[in-house]
Amino acid sequence: MKQFLVQHRNSIWAKALYSSATISLFLYIIIRGFSYEFPMTWTDEILLFIKITFTGIFMMSLATVGCASLYRGFERIKRHKKPV
């Protein structure tokens, strides 16, 4: 796992961005499907789409990169820990 993280550091970001953008798009579609009866102007529609997309991308990328960083940190601790 450690070698994977070191070799694919940039692709972890790319995969996180791609998957979070896809999920955010589906979330936007579901939200608009449930709130179809509430009329929105084009400006409100675009702002809602941007807010949902960027919030989803930020949160999911943060979680993915945070987990990868925690794993690297634990590997460093384990490597520097002397056996008893």
N, C-alpha and C. Protein backbone atom coordinates (compact mmCIF):
# COMPACT_ATOMS: atom_id res chain seq x y z
N MET A 1 0.83 -1.18 0.00
CA MET A 1 0.00 0.00 0.00
C MET A 1 0.88 1.26 0.00
N LYS A 2 1.97 1.21 0.75
CA LYS A 2 2.83 2.39 0.83
C LYS A 2 3.42 2.71 -0.54
N GLN A 3 3.88 1.70 -1.27
CA GLN A 3 4.44 1.93 -2.60
C GLN A 3 3.38 2.50 -3.54
N PHE A 4 2.17 2.01 -3.41
CA PHE A 4 1.08 2.52 -4.23
C PHE A 4 0.86 4.01 -3.97
N LEU A 5 0.87 4.41 -2.70
CA LEU A 5 0.66 5.81 -2.36
C LEU A 5 1.78 6.69 -2.87
N VAL A 6 3.00 6.21 -2.77
CA VAL A 6 4.14 7.01 -3.21
C VAL A 6 4.13 7.15 -4.73
N GLN A 7 3.83 6.08 -5.45
CA GLN A 7 3.88 6.11 -6.91
C GLN A 7 2.70 6.84 -7.52
N HIS A 8 1.55 6.79 -6.88
CA HIS A 8 0.33 7.34 -7.47
C HIS A 8 -0.23 8.52 -6.67
N ARG A 9 0.64 9.34 -6.15
CA ARG A 9 0.19 10.47 -5.33
C ARG A 9 -0.75 11.38 -6.12
N ASN A 10 -0.42 11.68 -7.35
CA ASN A 10 -1.26 12.56 -8.15
C ASN A 10 -2.54 11.87 -8.59
N SER A 11 -2.49 10.60 -8.85
CA SER A 11 -3.70 9.92 -9.32
C SER A 11 -4.71 9.74 -8.19
N ILE A 12 -4.28 9.75 -6.95
CA ILE A 12 -5.22 9.70 -5.83
C ILE A 12 -6.08 10.95 -5.85
N TRP A 13 -5.47 12.11 -6.10
CA TRP A 13 -6.23 13.35 -6.23
C TRP A 13 -7.18 13.27 -7.40
N ALA A 14 -6.68 12.78 -8.53
CA ALA A 14 -7.51 12.72 -9.74
C ALA A 14 -8.70 11.80 -9.54
N LYS A 15 -8.48 10.64 -8.93
CA LYS A 15 -9.58 9.71 -8.70
C LYS A 15 -10.58 10.29 -7.71
N ALA A 16 -10.09 10.98 -6.70
CA ALA A 16 -10.99 11.59 -5.72
C ALA A 16 -11.83 12.68 -6.38
N LEU A 17 -11.22 13.49 -7.22
CA LEU A 17 -11.96 14.55 -7.90
C LEU A 17 -13.00 13.98 -8.86
N TYR A 18 -12.63 12.95 -9.61
CA TYR A 18 -13.55 12.36 -10.57
C TYR A 18 -14.74 11.72 -9.88
N SER A 19 -14.49 10.92 -8.86
CA SER A 19 -15.60 10.26 -8.18
C SER A 19 -16.48 11.24 -7.42
N SER A 20 -15.88 12.24 -6.81
CA SER A 20 -16.68 13.21 -6.07
C SER A 20 -17.49 14.09 -7.01
N ALA A 21 -16.96 14.42 -8.18
CA ALA A 21 -17.73 15.19 -9.15
C ALA A 21 -18.92 14.39 -9.66
N THR A 22 -18.73 13.11 -9.88
CA THR A 22 -19.83 12.26 -10.33
C THR A 22 -20.92 12.16 -9.27
N ILE A 23 -20.54 11.92 -8.04
CA ILE A 23 -21.52 11.81 -6.96
C ILE A 23 -22.22 13.15 -6.73
N SER A 24 -21.49 14.25 -6.83
CA SER A 24 -22.10 15.56 -6.66
C SER A 24 -23.12 15.85 -7.76
N LEU A 25 -22.83 15.42 -8.97
CA LEU A 25 -23.78 15.61 -10.06
C LEU A 25 -25.07 14.83 -9.80
N PHE A 26 -24.96 13.60 -9.36
CA PHE A 26 -26.15 12.81 -9.05
C PHE A 26 -26.91 13.40 -7.86
N LEU A 27 -26.19 13.93 -6.88
CA LEU A 27 -26.83 14.58 -5.74
C LEU A 27 -27.62 15.81 -6.20
N TYR A 28 -27.03 16.58 -7.10
CA TYR A 28 -27.74 17.74 -7.65
C TYR A 28 -29.01 17.31 -8.37
N ILE A 29 -28.93 16.26 -9.16
CA ILE A 29 -30.11 15.77 -9.88
C ILE A 29 -31.20 15.33 -8.91
N ILE A 30 -30.81 14.64 -7.85
CA ILE A 30 -31.80 14.20 -6.85
C ILE A 30 -32.43 15.40 -6.14
N ILE A 31 -31.62 16.38 -5.76
CA ILE A 31 -32.15 17.55 -5.07
C ILE A 31 -33.12 18.31 -5.98
N ARG A 32 -32.75 18.49 -7.23
CA ARG A 32 -33.65 19.19 -8.15
C ARG A 32 -34.89 18.35 -8.44
N GLY A 33 -34.78 17.05 -8.45
CA GLY A 33 -35.94 16.20 -8.66
C GLY A 33 -36.95 16.33 -7.53
N PHE A 34 -36.47 16.41 -6.31
CA PHE A 34 -37.38 16.55 -5.17
C PHE A 34 -37.93 17.97 -5.02
N SER A 35 -37.18 18.96 -5.49
CA SER A 35 -37.64 20.34 -5.34
C SER A 35 -38.06 20.91 -6.69
N TYR A 36 -38.64 20.09 -7.53
CA TYR A 36 -39.03 20.52 -8.87
C TYR A 36 -40.11 21.59 -8.83
N GLU A 37 -40.97 21.56 -7.84
CA GLU A 37 -42.08 22.49 -7.78
C GLU A 37 -41.66 23.89 -7.35
N PHE A 38 -40.45 24.05 -6.86
CA PHE A 38 -39.97 25.37 -6.45
C PHE A 38 -39.27 26.02 -7.64
N PRO A 39 -39.87 27.07 -8.19
CA PRO A 39 -39.26 27.69 -9.37
C PRO A 39 -37.97 28.43 -8.98
N MET A 40 -36.99 28.32 -9.84
CA MET A 40 -35.71 28.98 -9.63
C MET A 40 -35.34 29.71 -10.92
N THR A 41 -34.67 30.84 -10.77
CA THR A 41 -34.15 31.53 -11.95
C THR A 41 -32.88 30.80 -12.39
N TRP A 42 -32.40 31.13 -13.58
CA TRP A 42 -31.19 30.47 -14.09
C TRP A 42 -29.99 30.78 -13.21
N THR A 43 -29.94 31.96 -12.66
CA THR A 43 -28.83 32.33 -11.77
C THR A 43 -28.86 31.48 -10.50
N ASP A 44 -30.05 31.33 -9.92
CA ASP A 44 -30.17 30.49 -8.72
C ASP A 44 -29.83 29.03 -9.03
N GLU A 45 -30.25 28.58 -10.19
CA GLU A 45 -29.97 27.20 -10.60
C GLU A 45 -28.47 26.96 -10.75
N ILE A 46 -27.79 27.88 -11.39
CA ILE A 46 -26.34 27.75 -11.59
C ILE A 46 -25.61 27.84 -10.25
N LEU A 47 -26.01 28.75 -9.39
CA LEU A 47 -25.37 28.87 -8.07
C LEU A 47 -25.58 27.62 -7.23
N LEU A 48 -26.78 27.04 -7.28
CA LEU A 48 -27.03 25.80 -6.55
C LEU A 48 -26.15 24.67 -7.07
N PHE A 49 -26.05 24.56 -8.38
CA PHE A 49 -25.21 23.53 -8.98
C PHE A 49 -23.75 23.70 -8.58
N ILE A 50 -23.25 24.93 -8.62
CA ILE A 50 -21.86 25.20 -8.25
C ILE A 50 -21.62 24.90 -6.77
N LYS A 51 -22.55 25.30 -5.91
CA LYS A 51 -22.38 25.05 -4.47
C LYS A 51 -22.36 23.55 -4.17
N ILE A 52 -23.28 22.81 -4.75
CA ILE A 52 -23.33 21.37 -4.50
C ILE A 52 -22.09 20.68 -5.04
N THR A 53 -21.69 21.04 -6.26
CA THR A 53 -20.54 20.39 -6.88
C THR A 53 -19.25 20.67 -6.12
N PHE A 54 -18.96 21.93 -5.83
CA PHE A 54 -17.71 22.25 -5.17
C PHE A 54 -17.67 21.77 -3.72
N THR A 55 -18.80 21.79 -3.05
CA THR A 55 -18.83 21.27 -1.69
C THR A 55 -18.58 19.77 -1.69
N GLY A 56 -19.21 19.05 -2.60
CA GLY A 56 -18.99 17.60 -2.70
C GLY A 56 -17.57 17.26 -3.06
N ILE A 57 -17.02 17.97 -4.03
CA ILE A 57 -15.63 17.72 -4.43
C ILE A 57 -14.67 17.99 -3.28
N PHE A 58 -14.88 19.09 -2.59
CA PHE A 58 -13.99 19.44 -1.48
C PHE A 58 -14.07 18.41 -0.36
N MET A 59 -15.28 18.04 0.04
CA MET A 59 -15.43 17.12 1.17
C MET A 59 -14.88 15.73 0.85
N MET A 60 -15.19 15.20 -0.33
CA MET A 60 -14.72 13.86 -0.67
C MET A 60 -13.22 13.83 -0.93
N SER A 61 -12.69 14.86 -1.55
CA SER A 61 -11.24 14.91 -1.77
C SER A 61 -10.50 15.05 -0.44
N LEU A 62 -11.05 15.85 0.45
CA LEU A 62 -10.45 16.01 1.77
C LEU A 62 -10.43 14.68 2.52
N ALA A 63 -11.51 13.94 2.45
CA ALA A 63 -11.56 12.65 3.13
C ALA A 63 -10.58 11.66 2.51
N THR A 64 -10.50 11.62 1.20
CA THR A 64 -9.60 10.67 0.52
C THR A 64 -8.15 10.99 0.81
N VAL A 65 -7.78 12.24 0.65
CA VAL A 65 -6.38 12.63 0.89
C VAL A 65 -6.05 12.54 2.38
N GLY A 66 -7.00 12.85 3.24
CA GLY A 66 -6.78 12.72 4.68
C GLY A 66 -6.51 11.29 5.09
N CYS A 67 -7.28 10.35 4.54
CA CYS A 67 -7.05 8.93 4.85
C CYS A 67 -5.69 8.47 4.33
N ALA A 68 -5.32 8.91 3.14
CA ALA A 68 -4.01 8.54 2.60
C ALA A 68 -2.89 9.12 3.46
N SER A 69 -3.06 10.34 3.92
CA SER A 69 -2.03 10.96 4.77
C SER A 69 -1.93 10.27 6.12
N LEU A 70 -3.07 9.90 6.69
CA LEU A 70 -3.03 9.15 7.95
C LEU A 70 -2.32 7.82 7.78
N TYR A 71 -2.60 7.14 6.69
CA TYR A 71 -1.94 5.86 6.45
C TYR A 71 -0.43 6.04 6.32
N ARG A 72 0.00 7.06 5.58
CA ARG A 72 1.44 7.31 5.46
C ARG A 72 2.05 7.65 6.81
N GLY A 73 1.33 8.41 7.63
CA GLY A 73 1.83 8.75 8.96
C GLY A 73 1.98 7.52 9.84
N PHE A 74 0.99 6.64 9.81
CA PHE A 74 1.09 5.42 10.60
C PHE A 74 2.21 4.51 10.11
N GLU A 75 2.43 4.48 8.81
CA GLU A 75 3.55 3.69 8.27
C GLU A 75 4.88 4.27 8.74
N ARG A 76 5.01 5.58 8.78
CA ARG A 76 6.24 6.21 9.27
C ARG A 76 6.48 5.89 10.74
N ILE A 77 5.42 5.95 11.53
CA ILE A 77 5.55 5.64 12.96
C ILE A 77 5.95 4.19 13.15
N LYS A 78 5.32 3.31 12.38
CA LYS A 78 5.64 1.89 12.50
C LYS A 78 7.07 1.60 12.07
N ARG A 79 7.55 2.30 11.08
CA ARG A 79 8.90 2.08 10.59
C ARG A 79 9.94 2.57 11.59
N HIS A 80 9.66 3.70 12.28
CA HIS A 80 10.63 4.25 13.22
C HIS A 80 10.53 3.64 14.62
N LYS A 81 9.50 2.89 14.86
CA LYS A 81 9.33 2.27 16.17
C LYS A 81 10.29 1.08 16.28
N LYS A 82 11.03 1.05 17.37
CA LYS A 82 12.00 -0.04 17.56
C LYS A 82 11.29 -1.24 18.18
N PRO A 83 11.60 -2.45 17.67
CA PRO A 83 10.98 -3.65 18.27
C PRO A 83 11.50 -3.90 19.68
N VAL A 84 10.64 -4.40 20.54
CA VAL A 84 11.00 -4.63 21.93
C VAL A 84 11.63 -6.00 22.08
